[in-house]
Amino acid sequence: MLDWVITFLVLALIAGFLGFSGVEIMSIEIAKVLFFIFLVLFIISLIMRVLRGQQP
């Protein structure tokens, strides 16, 4: 999922450089949402590991 965040961030940078502001704004918003979803899933994964007694 982090790959998608990076992909949309690069797309936003290229669109901003070329002057496509609509595509840039949409790509940045998608990248933000995907990053926060990734972050929440990562934290849940760490909590589950601790509860199961495994080392992170």
PDB file of N, CA and C in Angstrom:
ATOM      1  N   MET A   1       0.827  -1.185   0.000  1.00  0.00           N
ATOM      2  CA  MET A   1       0.000   0.000   0.000  1.00  0.00           C
ATOM      3  C   MET A   1       0.876   1.254   0.000  1.00  0.00           C
ATOM      4  N   LEU A   2       2.018   1.150   0.611  1.00  0.00           N
ATOM      5  CA  LEU A   2       2.911   2.300   0.624  1.00  0.00           C
ATOM      6  C   LEU A   2       3.412   2.614  -0.781  1.00  0.00           C
ATOM      7  N   ASP A   3       3.477   1.607  -1.629  1.00  0.00           N
ATOM      8  CA  ASP A   3       3.858   1.825  -3.025  1.00  0.00           C
ATOM      9  C   ASP A   3       2.850   2.730  -3.732  1.00  0.00           C
ATOM     10  N   TRP A   4       1.564   2.545  -3.436  1.00  0.00           N
ATOM     11  CA  TRP A   4       0.532   3.377  -4.045  1.00  0.00           C
ATOM     12  C   TRP A   4       0.658   4.816  -3.587  1.00  0.00           C
ATOM     13  N   VAL A   5       1.006   5.009  -2.310  1.00  0.00           N
ATOM     14  CA  VAL A   5       1.195   6.366  -1.794  1.00  0.00           C
ATOM     15  C   VAL A   5       2.300   7.067  -2.567  1.00  0.00           C
ATOM     16  N   ILE A   6       3.408   6.378  -2.744  1.00  0.00           N
ATOM     17  CA  ILE A   6       4.544   6.949  -3.465  1.00  0.00           C
ATOM     18  C   ILE A   6       4.175   7.224  -4.920  1.00  0.00           C
ATOM     19  N   THR A   7       3.420   6.311  -5.540  1.00  0.00           N
ATOM     20  CA  THR A   7       2.999   6.490  -6.929  1.00  0.00           C
ATOM     21  C   THR A   7       2.140   7.743  -7.087  1.00  0.00           C
ATOM     22  N   PHE A   8       1.149   7.917  -6.209  1.00  0.00           N
ATOM     23  CA  PHE A   8       0.290   9.093  -6.311  1.00  0.00           C
ATOM     24  C   PHE A   8       1.050  10.367  -5.963  1.00  0.00           C
ATOM     25  N   LEU A   9       2.012  10.291  -5.059  1.00  0.00           N
ATOM     26  CA  LEU A   9       2.806  11.464  -4.736  1.00  0.00           C
ATOM     27  C   LEU A   9       3.663  11.891  -5.925  1.00  0.00           C
ATOM     28  N   VAL A  10       4.269  10.938  -6.609  1.00  0.00           N
ATOM     29  CA  VAL A  10       5.062  11.247  -7.798  1.00  0.00           C
ATOM     30  C   VAL A  10       4.159  11.798  -8.900  1.00  0.00           C
ATOM     31  N   LEU A  11       2.987  11.209  -9.060  1.00  0.00           N
ATOM     32  CA  LEU A  11       2.032  11.708 -10.048  1.00  0.00           C
ATOM     33  C   LEU A  11       1.638  13.154  -9.745  1.00  0.00           C
ATOM     34  N   ALA A  12       1.430  13.462  -8.477  1.00  0.00           N
ATOM     35  CA  ALA A  12       1.087  14.827  -8.085  1.00  0.00           C
ATOM     36  C   ALA A  12       2.234  15.792  -8.377  1.00  0.00           C
ATOM     37  N   LEU A  13       3.461  15.369  -8.118  1.00  0.00           N
ATOM     38  CA  LEU A  13       4.607  16.235  -8.397  1.00  0.00           C
ATOM     39  C   LEU A  13       4.756  16.513  -9.892  1.00  0.00           C
ATOM     40  N   ILE A  14       4.581  15.480 -10.705  1.00  0.00           N
ATOM     41  CA  ILE A  14       4.688  15.648 -12.156  1.00  0.00           C
ATOM     42  C   ILE A  14       3.555  16.534 -12.672  1.00  0.00           C
ATOM     43  N   ALA A  15       2.329  16.299 -12.180  1.00  0.00           N
ATOM     44  CA  ALA A  15       1.190  17.108 -12.608  1.00  0.00           C
ATOM     45  C   ALA A  15       1.372  18.564 -12.192  1.00  0.00           C
ATOM     46  N   GLY A  16       1.908  18.785 -11.009  1.00  0.00           N
ATOM     47  CA  GLY A  16       2.160  20.154 -10.565  1.00  0.00           C
ATOM     48  C   GLY A  16       3.211  20.835 -11.408  1.00  0.00           C
ATOM     49  N   PHE A  17       4.221  20.096 -11.786  1.00  0.00           N
ATOM     50  CA  PHE A  17       5.278  20.655 -12.629  1.00  0.00           C
ATOM     51  C   PHE A  17       4.755  21.029 -14.009  1.00  0.00           C
ATOM     52  N   LEU A  18       3.846  20.217 -14.540  1.00  0.00           N
ATOM     53  CA  LEU A  18       3.301  20.464 -15.872  1.00  0.00           C
ATOM     54  C   LEU A  18       2.124  21.427 -15.868  1.00  0.00           C
ATOM     55  N   GLY A  19       1.623  21.768 -14.687  1.00  0.00           N
ATOM     56  CA  GLY A  19       0.556  22.753 -14.603  1.00  0.00           C
ATOM     57  C   GLY A  19      -0.851  22.194 -14.551  1.00  0.00           C
ATOM     58  N   PHE A  20      -1.023  20.915 -14.333  1.00  0.00           N
ATOM     59  CA  PHE A  20      -2.345  20.310 -14.214  1.00  0.00           C
ATOM     60  C   PHE A  20      -2.764  20.330 -12.744  1.00  0.00           C
ATOM     61  N   SER A  21      -3.303  21.448 -12.307  1.00  0.00           N
ATOM     62  CA  SER A  21      -3.582  21.612 -10.875  1.00  0.00           C
ATOM     63  C   SER A  21      -4.703  20.692 -10.386  1.00  0.00           C
ATOM     64  N   GLY A  22      -5.697  20.396 -11.210  1.00  0.00           N
ATOM     65  CA  GLY A  22      -6.784  19.506 -10.795  1.00  0.00           C
ATOM     66  C   GLY A  22      -6.289  18.104 -10.508  1.00  0.00           C
ATOM     67  N   VAL A  23      -5.446  17.598 -11.392  1.00  0.00           N
ATOM     68  CA  VAL A  23      -4.879  16.254 -11.210  1.00  0.00           C
ATOM     69  C   VAL A  23      -3.945  16.249 -10.008  1.00  0.00           C
ATOM     70  N   GLU A  24      -3.219  17.321  -9.837  1.00  0.00           N
ATOM     71  CA  GLU A  24      -2.281  17.421  -8.715  1.00  0.00           C
ATOM     72  C   GLU A  24      -3.016  17.367  -7.383  1.00  0.00           C
ATOM     73  N   ILE A  25      -4.058  18.148  -7.243  1.00  0.00           N
ATOM     74  CA  ILE A  25      -4.805  18.197  -5.986  1.00  0.00           C
ATOM     75  C   ILE A  25      -5.448  16.853  -5.687  1.00  0.00           C
ATOM     76  N   MET A  26      -6.032  16.220  -6.703  1.00  0.00           N
ATOM     77  CA  MET A  26      -6.668  14.930  -6.509  1.00  0.00           C
ATOM     78  C   MET A  26      -5.640  13.864  -6.112  1.00  0.00           C
ATOM     79  N   SER A  27      -4.485  13.880  -6.743  1.00  0.00           N
ATOM     80  CA  SER A  27      -3.444  12.895  -6.438  1.00  0.00           C
ATOM     81  C   SER A  27      -2.906  13.069  -5.026  1.00  0.00           C
ATOM     82  N   ILE A  28      -2.752  14.314  -4.600  1.00  0.00           N
ATOM     83  CA  ILE A  28      -2.273  14.564  -3.241  1.00  0.00           C
ATOM     84  C   ILE A  28      -3.290  14.068  -2.217  1.00  0.00           C
ATOM     85  N   GLU A  29      -4.571  14.308  -2.459  1.00  0.00           N
ATOM     86  CA  GLU A  29      -5.603  13.856  -1.525  1.00  0.00           C
ATOM     87  C   GLU A  29      -5.646  12.328  -1.445  1.00  0.00           C
ATOM     88  N   ILE A  30      -5.537  11.659  -2.581  1.00  0.00           N
ATOM     89  CA  ILE A  30      -5.524  10.193  -2.591  1.00  0.00           C
ATOM     90  C   ILE A  30      -4.303   9.677  -1.843  1.00  0.00           C
ATOM     91  N   ALA A  31      -3.149  10.299  -2.053  1.00  0.00           N
ATOM     92  CA  ALA A  31      -1.933   9.885  -1.366  1.00  0.00           C
ATOM     93  C   ALA A  31      -2.069  10.057   0.141  1.00  0.00           C
ATOM     94  N   LYS A  32      -2.690  11.152   0.586  1.00  0.00           N
ATOM     95  CA  LYS A  32      -2.898  11.373   2.017  1.00  0.00           C
ATOM     96  C   LYS A  32      -3.780  10.279   2.626  1.00  0.00           C
ATOM     97  N   VAL A  33      -4.893   9.996   1.961  1.00  0.00           N
ATOM     98  CA  VAL A  33      -5.823   8.990   2.473  1.00  0.00           C
ATOM     99  C   VAL A  33      -5.147   7.627   2.546  1.00  0.00           C
ATOM    100  N   LEU A  34      -4.447   7.246   1.488  1.00  0.00           N
ATOM    101  CA  LEU A  34      -3.771   5.952   1.487  1.00  0.00           C
ATOM    102  C   LEU A  34      -2.681   5.884   2.549  1.00  0.00           C
ATOM    103  N   PHE A  35      -1.973   6.987   2.792  1.00  0.00           N
ATOM    104  CA  PHE A  35      -0.934   7.000   3.812  1.00  0.00           C
ATOM    105  C   PHE A  35      -1.537   6.780   5.193  1.00  0.00           C
ATOM    106  N   PHE A  36      -2.652   7.448   5.500  1.00  0.00           N
ATOM    107  CA  PHE A  36      -3.256   7.283   6.811  1.00  0.00           C
ATOM    108  C   PHE A  36      -3.851   5.890   6.991  1.00  0.00           C
ATOM    109  N   ILE A  37      -4.393   5.309   5.939  1.00  0.00           N
ATOM    110  CA  ILE A  37      -4.865   3.920   6.014  1.00  0.00           C
ATOM    111  C   ILE A  37      -3.691   2.992   6.289  1.00  0.00           C
ATOM    112  N   PHE A  38      -2.577   3.197   5.592  1.00  0.00           N
ATOM    113  CA  PHE A  38      -1.379   2.406   5.820  1.00  0.00           C
ATOM    114  C   PHE A  38      -0.897   2.558   7.259  1.00  0.00           C
ATOM    115  N   LEU A  39      -0.901   3.776   7.775  1.00  0.00           N
ATOM    116  CA  LEU A  39      -0.434   4.032   9.126  1.00  0.00           C
ATOM    117  C   LEU A  39      -1.304   3.326  10.163  1.00  0.00           C
ATOM    118  N   VAL A  40      -2.619   3.387  10.001  1.00  0.00           N
ATOM    119  CA  VAL A  40      -3.536   2.722  10.925  1.00  0.00           C
ATOM    120  C   VAL A  40      -3.337   1.210  10.885  1.00  0.00           C
ATOM    121  N   LEU A  41      -3.224   0.639   9.705  1.00  0.00           N
ATOM    122  CA  LEU A  41      -3.014  -0.806   9.598  1.00  0.00           C
ATOM    123  C   LEU A  41      -1.679  -1.222  10.193  1.00  0.00           C
ATOM    124  N   PHE A  42      -0.649  -0.401  10.048  1.00  0.00           N
ATOM    125  CA  PHE A  42       0.655  -0.694  10.630  1.00  0.00           C
ATOM    126  C   PHE A  42       0.587  -0.690  12.152  1.00  0.00           C
ATOM    127  N   ILE A  43      -0.094   0.291  12.725  1.00  0.00           N
ATOM    128  CA  ILE A  43      -0.225   0.363  14.183  1.00  0.00           C
ATOM    129  C   ILE A  43      -1.034  -0.814  14.714  1.00  0.00           C
ATOM    130  N   ILE A  44      -2.102  -1.176  14.032  1.00  0.00           N
ATOM    131  CA  ILE A  44      -2.897  -2.340  14.438  1.00  0.00           C
ATOM    132  C   ILE A  44      -2.049  -3.601  14.382  1.00  0.00           C
ATOM    133  N   SER A  45      -1.220  -3.718  13.357  1.00  0.00           N
ATOM    134  CA  SER A  45      -0.341  -4.871  13.225  1.00  0.00           C
ATOM    135  C   SER A  45       0.648  -4.949  14.385  1.00  0.00           C
ATOM    136  N   LEU A  46       1.221  -3.817  14.759  1.00  0.00           N
ATOM    137  CA  LEU A  46       2.155  -3.803  15.895  1.00  0.00           C
ATOM    138  C   LEU A  46       1.469  -4.171  17.201  1.00  0.00           C
ATOM    139  N   ILE A  47       0.278  -3.652  17.422  1.00  0.00           N
ATOM    140  CA  ILE A  47      -0.471  -3.969  18.640  1.00  0.00           C
ATOM    141  C   ILE A  47      -0.795  -5.454  18.696  1.00  0.00           C
ATOM    142  N   MET A  48      -1.196  -6.035  17.580  1.00  0.00           N
ATOM    143  CA  MET A  48      -1.511  -7.467  17.557  1.00  0.00           C
ATOM    144  C   MET A  48      -0.280  -8.316  17.850  1.00  0.00           C
ATOM    145  N   ARG A  49       0.875  -7.905  17.360  1.00  0.00           N
ATOM    146  CA  ARG A  49       2.109  -8.641  17.646  1.00  0.00           C
ATOM    147  C   ARG A  49       2.440  -8.603  19.126  1.00  0.00           C
ATOM    148  N   VAL A  50       2.265  -7.449  19.745  1.00  0.00           N
ATOM    149  CA  VAL A  50       2.568  -7.311  21.168  1.00  0.00           C
ATOM    150  C   VAL A  50       1.605  -8.157  21.985  1.00  0.00           C
ATOM    151  N   LEU A  51       0.342  -8.157  21.616  1.00  0.00           N
ATOM    152  CA  LEU A  51      -0.644  -8.944  22.350  1.00  0.00           C
ATOM    153  C   LEU A  51      -0.409 -10.439  22.213  1.00  0.00           C
ATOM    154  N   ARG A  52       0.122 -10.858  21.100  1.00  0.00           N
ATOM    155  CA  ARG A  52       0.417 -12.273  20.895  1.00  0.00           C
ATOM    156  C   ARG A  52       1.751 -12.684  21.517  1.00  0.00           C
ATOM    157  N   GLY A  53       2.548 -11.715  21.925  1.00  0.00           N
ATOM    158  CA  GLY A  53       3.798 -12.021  22.588  1.00  0.00           C
ATOM    159  C   GLY A  53       4.991 -12.166  21.659  1.00  0.00           C
ATOM    160  N   GLN A  54       4.845 -11.793  20.389  1.00  0.00           N
ATOM    161  CA  GLN A  54       5.947 -11.876  19.457  1.00  0.00           C
ATOM    162  C   GLN A  54       6.758 -10.598  19.502  1.00  0.00           C
ATOM    163  N   GLN A  55       8.029 -10.703  19.172  1.00  0.00           N
ATOM    164  CA  GLN A  55       8.893  -9.524  19.119  1.00  0.00           C
ATOM    165  C   GLN A  55       8.637  -8.769  17.815  1.00  0.00           C
ATOM    166  N   PRO A  56       8.619  -7.428  17.881  1.00  0.00           N
ATOM    167  CA  PRO A  56       8.394  -6.643  16.664  1.00  0.00           C
ATOM    168  C   PRO A  56       9.592  -6.650  15.737  1.00  0.00           C
TER     169      PRO A  56
END
